[in-house]
Each structure stands twice: as C-alpha cells, then as structure tokens.
Amino acid sequence: YDQNDLEALIEEHGATMCALAYSDISYDSVQSLAARVNSKGCKFIQVPPSLTQLHSSKPVVAICATRTGTGKSQTTRAIADYLKKKGKKIVVVRHPMPYDKNLLDQRCQRYEVLED
C-alpha cells in the first residue's frame, strides 16, 4: 500500500495499532508517522529488538548498518565464504524486510542455495 493512504487504510481496516516496520528512516519521519497514526485514534508502536531477535546457543557474527545499500549482503557472503574455508559449519540468518501486501506470506523465508 502507498504510505500516503495510511489514514484511509486505518479507517478501512478498523486498525487499532500500527507498527513501524522500516529501518532506514529519520527521527522526524518516524514522529510524523506516529502523529498521523495517533490522529486516527490508533496506537503507534516500534517493535523492540527483544521481540524480533533470535536466540542462539552458538557464536554469532552480526552484520549491521544504519541504512540500506551499504554492502551488508556482500560482506555477509565474504565472511561466510571465509568461515567455510576454515572448516566452520555456518548458517546465515537474514532479518526479513517483506514488501508483499500480505506480510504473512513473507514472515519466514528460507534460502538454501544461491538461486533462492
């Protein structure tokens, strides 16, 4: 959906809560969205990391950045290749950024081979 339709979508779907699911956005933009949501009588939330992070009993290497387009995927591939060459068994887990209109369709995605 287009972000410009936010208020209409809240009314159309009878939403009572909206969660921000975007990472590359300024503080001012976040507050603007919160105000728009609140103006329709809807609660605005930002989901805390404790509800989105996975627990692991294994060592973890995290590749992070504050915005898109910084080379996280390329860096991940390089580190994964390095660790595999060192004989390590690795798993790459990517935090999903679904763009489908039905977010439930993309709540879990598995990529086993490069073609995936």
N, C-alpha and C. Protein backbone atom coordinates (compact mmCIF):
# COMPACT_ATOMS: atom_id res chain seq x y z
N TYR A 1 0.83 -1.19 0.00
CA TYR A 1 0.00 0.00 0.00
C TYR A 1 0.87 1.24 0.00
N ASP A 2 0.36 2.30 -0.53
CA ASP A 2 1.08 3.57 -0.55
C ASP A 2 0.98 4.23 0.83
N GLN A 3 2.09 4.71 1.30
CA GLN A 3 2.13 5.36 2.62
C GLN A 3 1.20 6.57 2.68
N ASN A 4 0.93 7.18 1.54
CA ASN A 4 0.02 8.33 1.52
C ASN A 4 -1.40 7.94 1.89
N ASP A 5 -1.71 6.64 1.81
CA ASP A 5 -3.05 6.14 2.13
C ASP A 5 -3.18 5.69 3.58
N LEU A 6 -2.21 6.00 4.42
CA LEU A 6 -2.18 5.50 5.79
C LEU A 6 -3.49 5.73 6.56
N GLU A 7 -3.95 6.95 6.58
CA GLU A 7 -5.16 7.26 7.35
C GLU A 7 -6.37 6.51 6.80
N ALA A 8 -6.50 6.46 5.49
CA ALA A 8 -7.63 5.75 4.88
C ALA A 8 -7.56 4.25 5.18
N LEU A 9 -6.36 3.70 5.17
CA LEU A 9 -6.20 2.27 5.47
C LEU A 9 -6.55 1.95 6.92
N ILE A 10 -6.19 2.84 7.83
CA ILE A 10 -6.55 2.64 9.24
C ILE A 10 -8.05 2.58 9.37
N GLU A 11 -8.75 3.51 8.72
CA GLU A 11 -10.21 3.52 8.78
C GLU A 11 -10.81 2.31 8.07
N GLU A 12 -10.32 2.00 6.89
CA GLU A 12 -10.87 0.90 6.09
C GLU A 12 -10.76 -0.45 6.80
N HIS A 13 -9.64 -0.66 7.49
CA HIS A 13 -9.40 -1.95 8.14
C HIS A 13 -9.74 -1.94 9.63
N GLY A 14 -10.17 -0.80 10.15
CA GLY A 14 -10.50 -0.72 11.57
C GLY A 14 -9.30 -0.98 12.46
N ALA A 15 -8.14 -0.54 12.02
CA ALA A 15 -6.91 -0.79 12.79
C ALA A 15 -6.95 -0.07 14.12
N THR A 16 -6.40 -0.72 15.13
CA THR A 16 -6.27 -0.11 16.45
C THR A 16 -4.81 0.08 16.83
N MET A 17 -3.91 -0.54 16.03
CA MET A 17 -2.48 -0.42 16.29
C MET A 17 -1.72 -0.49 14.98
N CYS A 18 -0.71 0.36 14.84
CA CYS A 18 0.18 0.32 13.68
C CYS A 18 1.61 0.17 14.19
N ALA A 19 2.34 -0.76 13.57
CA ALA A 19 3.73 -0.99 13.95
C ALA A 19 4.66 -0.51 12.84
N LEU A 20 5.69 0.21 13.21
CA LEU A 20 6.68 0.66 12.25
C LEU A 20 7.58 -0.52 11.89
N ALA A 21 7.68 -0.82 10.60
CA ALA A 21 8.49 -1.94 10.14
C ALA A 21 9.44 -1.46 9.05
N TYR A 22 10.20 -0.44 9.36
CA TYR A 22 11.13 0.12 8.40
C TYR A 22 12.34 0.62 9.16
N SER A 23 13.52 0.44 8.61
CA SER A 23 14.73 0.75 9.37
C SER A 23 15.47 1.99 8.89
N ASP A 24 15.27 2.39 7.68
CA ASP A 24 16.05 3.48 7.09
C ASP A 24 15.20 4.74 7.03
N ILE A 25 14.97 5.34 8.20
CA ILE A 25 14.04 6.47 8.27
C ILE A 25 14.49 7.43 9.37
N SER A 26 14.34 8.70 9.12
CA SER A 26 14.78 9.70 10.09
C SER A 26 13.83 9.78 11.28
N TYR A 27 14.34 10.33 12.36
CA TYR A 27 13.53 10.53 13.56
C TYR A 27 12.30 11.39 13.26
N ASP A 28 12.51 12.45 12.50
CA ASP A 28 11.39 13.34 12.16
C ASP A 28 10.30 12.59 11.39
N SER A 29 10.71 11.71 10.48
CA SER A 29 9.73 10.93 9.71
C SER A 29 8.98 9.95 10.60
N VAL A 30 9.70 9.33 11.55
CA VAL A 30 9.05 8.42 12.49
C VAL A 30 7.98 9.17 13.29
N GLN A 31 8.34 10.34 13.79
CA GLN A 31 7.40 11.12 14.60
C GLN A 31 6.21 11.62 13.78
N SER A 32 6.46 11.93 12.52
CA SER A 32 5.37 12.34 11.64
C SER A 32 4.39 11.19 11.44
N LEU A 33 4.92 9.99 11.20
CA LEU A 33 4.05 8.82 11.05
C LEU A 33 3.27 8.56 12.33
N ALA A 34 3.95 8.66 13.46
CA ALA A 34 3.28 8.43 14.75
C ALA A 34 2.12 9.41 14.93
N ALA A 35 2.35 10.66 14.59
CA ALA A 35 1.30 11.68 14.72
C ALA A 35 0.11 11.37 13.81
N ARG A 36 0.39 10.93 12.60
CA ARG A 36 -0.69 10.59 11.66
C ARG A 36 -1.51 9.42 12.19
N VAL A 37 -0.81 8.42 12.69
CA VAL A 37 -1.49 7.24 13.23
C VAL A 37 -2.32 7.63 14.45
N ASN A 38 -1.71 8.37 15.37
CA ASN A 38 -2.42 8.78 16.58
C ASN A 38 -3.62 9.67 16.28
N SER A 39 -3.52 10.47 15.22
CA SER A 39 -4.64 11.36 14.88
C SER A 39 -5.89 10.58 14.47
N LYS A 40 -5.70 9.32 14.09
CA LYS A 40 -6.84 8.46 13.73
C LYS A 40 -7.28 7.59 14.91
N GLY A 41 -6.74 7.88 16.11
CA GLY A 41 -7.12 7.14 17.30
C GLY A 41 -6.47 5.78 17.40
N CYS A 42 -5.39 5.61 16.70
CA CYS A 42 -4.70 4.33 16.61
C CYS A 42 -3.39 4.40 17.40
N LYS A 43 -3.01 3.29 18.02
CA LYS A 43 -1.76 3.21 18.76
C LYS A 43 -0.61 2.98 17.78
N PHE A 44 0.51 3.70 17.98
CA PHE A 44 1.70 3.58 17.14
C PHE A 44 2.79 2.91 17.96
N ILE A 45 3.36 1.82 17.43
CA ILE A 45 4.43 1.14 18.17
C ILE A 45 5.64 0.91 17.28
N GLN A 46 6.77 0.81 17.93
CA GLN A 46 8.01 0.35 17.30
C GLN A 46 8.36 -0.95 18.02
N VAL A 47 8.46 -2.03 17.28
CA VAL A 47 8.69 -3.34 17.88
C VAL A 47 10.12 -3.39 18.43
N PRO A 48 10.28 -3.73 19.71
CA PRO A 48 11.62 -3.76 20.30
C PRO A 48 12.43 -4.95 19.81
N PRO A 49 13.75 -4.81 19.81
CA PRO A 49 14.62 -5.90 19.36
C PRO A 49 14.36 -7.22 20.09
N SER A 50 14.00 -7.17 21.35
CA SER A 50 13.78 -8.40 22.11
C SER A 50 12.66 -9.26 21.52
N LEU A 51 11.78 -8.65 20.74
CA LEU A 51 10.68 -9.40 20.12
C LEU A 51 10.98 -9.82 18.69
N THR A 52 12.11 -9.38 18.15
CA THR A 52 12.43 -9.74 16.77
C THR A 52 13.73 -10.52 16.64
N GLN A 53 14.54 -10.53 17.70
CA GLN A 53 15.83 -11.21 17.63
C GLN A 53 15.68 -12.69 17.93
N LEU A 54 16.55 -13.48 17.31
CA LEU A 54 16.59 -14.92 17.56
C LEU A 54 17.61 -15.23 18.64
N HIS A 55 17.31 -16.23 19.47
CA HIS A 55 18.25 -16.68 20.49
C HIS A 55 19.14 -17.76 19.88
N SER A 56 20.40 -17.80 20.29
CA SER A 56 21.32 -18.79 19.75
C SER A 56 22.22 -19.33 20.86
N SER A 57 22.49 -20.62 20.78
CA SER A 57 23.45 -21.22 21.70
C SER A 57 24.84 -21.28 21.05
N LYS A 58 24.94 -20.79 19.83
CA LYS A 58 26.19 -20.79 19.06
C LYS A 58 26.75 -19.38 18.96
N PRO A 59 28.04 -19.26 18.65
CA PRO A 59 28.61 -17.93 18.43
C PRO A 59 27.90 -17.24 17.26
N VAL A 60 27.75 -15.95 17.35
CA VAL A 60 27.02 -15.18 16.33
C VAL A 60 27.91 -14.06 15.81
N VAL A 61 27.90 -13.88 14.50
CA VAL A 61 28.52 -12.73 13.86
C VAL A 61 27.38 -11.93 13.25
N ALA A 62 27.25 -10.68 13.65
CA ALA A 62 26.17 -9.84 13.14
C ALA A 62 26.72 -8.82 12.16
N ILE A 63 26.08 -8.71 11.01
CA ILE A 63 26.44 -7.71 10.00
C ILE A 63 25.31 -6.68 10.01
N CYS A 64 25.61 -5.47 10.45
CA CYS A 64 24.58 -4.44 10.62
C CYS A 64 24.99 -3.15 9.95
N ALA A 65 24.00 -2.32 9.69
CA ALA A 65 24.24 -0.97 9.17
C ALA A 65 23.05 -0.10 9.51
N THR A 66 23.24 1.18 9.43
CA THR A 66 22.18 2.12 9.79
C THR A 66 21.30 2.51 8.62
N ARG A 67 21.64 2.02 7.43
CA ARG A 67 20.81 2.34 6.27
C ARG A 67 20.96 1.25 5.22
N THR A 68 20.14 1.31 4.20
CA THR A 68 20.20 0.34 3.12
C THR A 68 21.33 0.70 2.15
N GLY A 69 21.75 -0.30 1.38
CA GLY A 69 22.73 -0.05 0.33
C GLY A 69 24.16 0.10 0.80
N THR A 70 24.50 -0.44 1.96
CA THR A 70 25.86 -0.28 2.48
C THR A 70 26.74 -1.49 2.24
N GLY A 71 26.19 -2.55 1.64
CA GLY A 71 27.01 -3.72 1.33
C GLY A 71 26.92 -4.84 2.34
N LYS A 72 25.83 -4.89 3.09
CA LYS A 72 25.68 -5.95 4.10
C LYS A 72 25.65 -7.33 3.47
N SER A 73 24.96 -7.48 2.36
CA SER A 73 24.87 -8.80 1.71
C SER A 73 26.24 -9.25 1.21
N GLN A 74 26.97 -8.35 0.58
CA GLN A 74 28.29 -8.70 0.06
C GLN A 74 29.24 -9.04 1.22
N THR A 75 29.17 -8.28 2.29
CA THR A 75 30.02 -8.54 3.45
C THR A 75 29.68 -9.88 4.07
N THR A 76 28.39 -10.17 4.16
CA THR A 76 27.95 -11.46 4.71
C THR A 76 28.48 -12.61 3.87
N ARG A 77 28.37 -12.50 2.56
CA ARG A 77 28.88 -13.57 1.69
C ARG A 77 30.38 -13.76 1.86
N ALA A 78 31.13 -12.68 1.96
CA ALA A 78 32.58 -12.78 2.11
C ALA A 78 32.95 -13.45 3.44
N ILE A 79 32.29 -13.05 4.50
CA ILE A 79 32.58 -13.65 5.80
C ILE A 79 32.15 -15.12 5.83
N ALA A 80 31.01 -15.43 5.24
CA ALA A 80 30.54 -16.81 5.18
C ALA A 80 31.53 -17.68 4.40
N ASP A 81 32.01 -17.19 3.27
CA ASP A 81 33.00 -17.93 2.48
C ASP A 81 34.27 -18.16 3.29
N TYR A 82 34.72 -17.14 3.98
CA TYR A 82 35.94 -17.24 4.80
C TYR A 82 35.77 -18.32 5.88
N LEU A 83 34.66 -18.27 6.59
CA LEU A 83 34.43 -19.24 7.67
C LEU A 83 34.29 -20.66 7.13
N LYS A 84 33.63 -20.81 5.99
CA LYS A 84 33.50 -22.15 5.38
C LYS A 84 34.87 -22.70 4.99
N LYS A 85 35.74 -21.84 4.45
CA LYS A 85 37.09 -22.27 4.09
C LYS A 85 37.90 -22.68 5.32
N LYS A 86 37.54 -22.15 6.46
CA LYS A 86 38.20 -22.51 7.71
C LYS A 86 37.58 -23.76 8.34
N GLY A 87 36.62 -24.38 7.62
CA GLY A 87 36.01 -25.62 8.09
C GLY A 87 34.85 -25.44 9.04
N LYS A 88 34.37 -24.25 9.17
CA LYS A 88 33.24 -23.99 10.06
C LYS A 88 31.92 -24.31 9.38
N LYS A 89 31.01 -24.86 10.15
CA LYS A 89 29.65 -25.07 9.66
C LYS A 89 28.87 -23.81 10.02
N ILE A 90 28.31 -23.16 9.01
CA ILE A 90 27.66 -21.87 9.26
C ILE A 90 26.21 -21.86 8.78
N VAL A 91 25.47 -20.94 9.32
CA VAL A 91 24.11 -20.66 8.89
C VAL A 91 23.98 -19.14 8.80
N VAL A 92 23.42 -18.67 7.72
CA VAL A 92 23.18 -17.24 7.57
C VAL A 92 21.69 -17.00 7.79
N VAL A 93 21.39 -16.12 8.72
CA VAL A 93 20.00 -15.75 9.01
C VAL A 93 19.86 -14.28 8.68
N ARG A 94 18.89 -13.98 7.86
CA ARG A 94 18.66 -12.59 7.45
C ARG A 94 17.36 -12.10 8.04
N HIS A 95 17.41 -10.93 8.64
CA HIS A 95 16.18 -10.33 9.16
C HIS A 95 15.35 -9.94 7.96
N PRO A 96 14.13 -10.44 7.87
CA PRO A 96 13.32 -10.17 6.67
C PRO A 96 12.84 -8.73 6.60
N MET A 97 12.74 -8.24 5.40
CA MET A 97 12.13 -6.94 5.14
C MET A 97 11.08 -7.17 4.07
N PRO A 98 9.92 -7.71 4.49
CA PRO A 98 8.90 -8.06 3.50
C PRO A 98 8.28 -6.83 2.85
N TYR A 99 8.01 -6.98 1.57
CA TYR A 99 7.39 -5.89 0.81
C TYR A 99 6.05 -6.30 0.21
N ASP A 100 5.67 -7.56 0.37
CA ASP A 100 4.41 -8.05 -0.16
C ASP A 100 3.25 -7.39 0.57
N LYS A 101 2.14 -7.17 -0.09
CA LYS A 101 0.98 -6.56 0.57
C LYS A 101 0.44 -7.46 1.69
N ASN A 102 0.58 -8.77 1.54
CA ASN A 102 0.20 -9.69 2.60
C ASN A 102 1.48 -10.10 3.32
N LEU A 103 1.81 -9.41 4.40
CA LEU A 103 3.07 -9.64 5.11
C LEU A 103 3.20 -11.07 5.62
N LEU A 104 2.09 -11.73 5.92
CA LEU A 104 2.15 -13.10 6.42
C LEU A 104 2.76 -14.04 5.38
N ASP A 105 2.64 -13.71 4.09
CA ASP A 105 3.23 -14.54 3.04
C ASP A 105 4.75 -14.57 3.13
N GLN A 106 5.34 -13.55 3.77
CA GLN A 106 6.80 -13.45 3.82
C GLN A 106 7.34 -13.46 5.25
N ARG A 107 6.57 -13.99 6.20
CA ARG A 107 7.02 -13.95 7.59
C ARG A 107 8.22 -14.84 7.84
N CYS A 108 8.41 -15.84 7.00
CA CYS A 108 9.57 -16.72 7.13
C CYS A 108 9.99 -17.13 5.72
N GLN A 109 11.25 -16.94 5.43
CA GLN A 109 11.77 -17.29 4.11
C GLN A 109 13.05 -18.09 4.31
N ARG A 110 13.22 -19.15 3.52
CA ARG A 110 14.42 -19.95 3.61
C ARG A 110 15.15 -19.91 2.28
N TYR A 111 16.44 -19.59 2.36
CA TYR A 111 17.31 -19.56 1.19
C TYR A 111 18.39 -20.61 1.40
N GLU A 112 18.29 -21.69 0.65
CA GLU A 112 19.24 -22.79 0.83
C GLU A 112 20.36 -22.76 -0.18
N VAL A 113 20.04 -22.33 -1.39
CA VAL A 113 21.05 -22.25 -2.44
C VAL A 113 21.01 -20.85 -3.04
N LEU A 114 22.05 -20.50 -3.75
CA LEU A 114 22.17 -19.15 -4.31
C LEU A 114 20.98 -18.78 -5.17
N GLU A 115 20.40 -19.75 -5.90
CA GLU A 115 19.26 -19.47 -6.77
C GLU A 115 18.02 -19.02 -5.98
N ASP A 116 17.94 -19.41 -4.72
CA ASP A 116 16.80 -19.00 -3.88
C ASP A 116 16.82 -17.49 -3.67
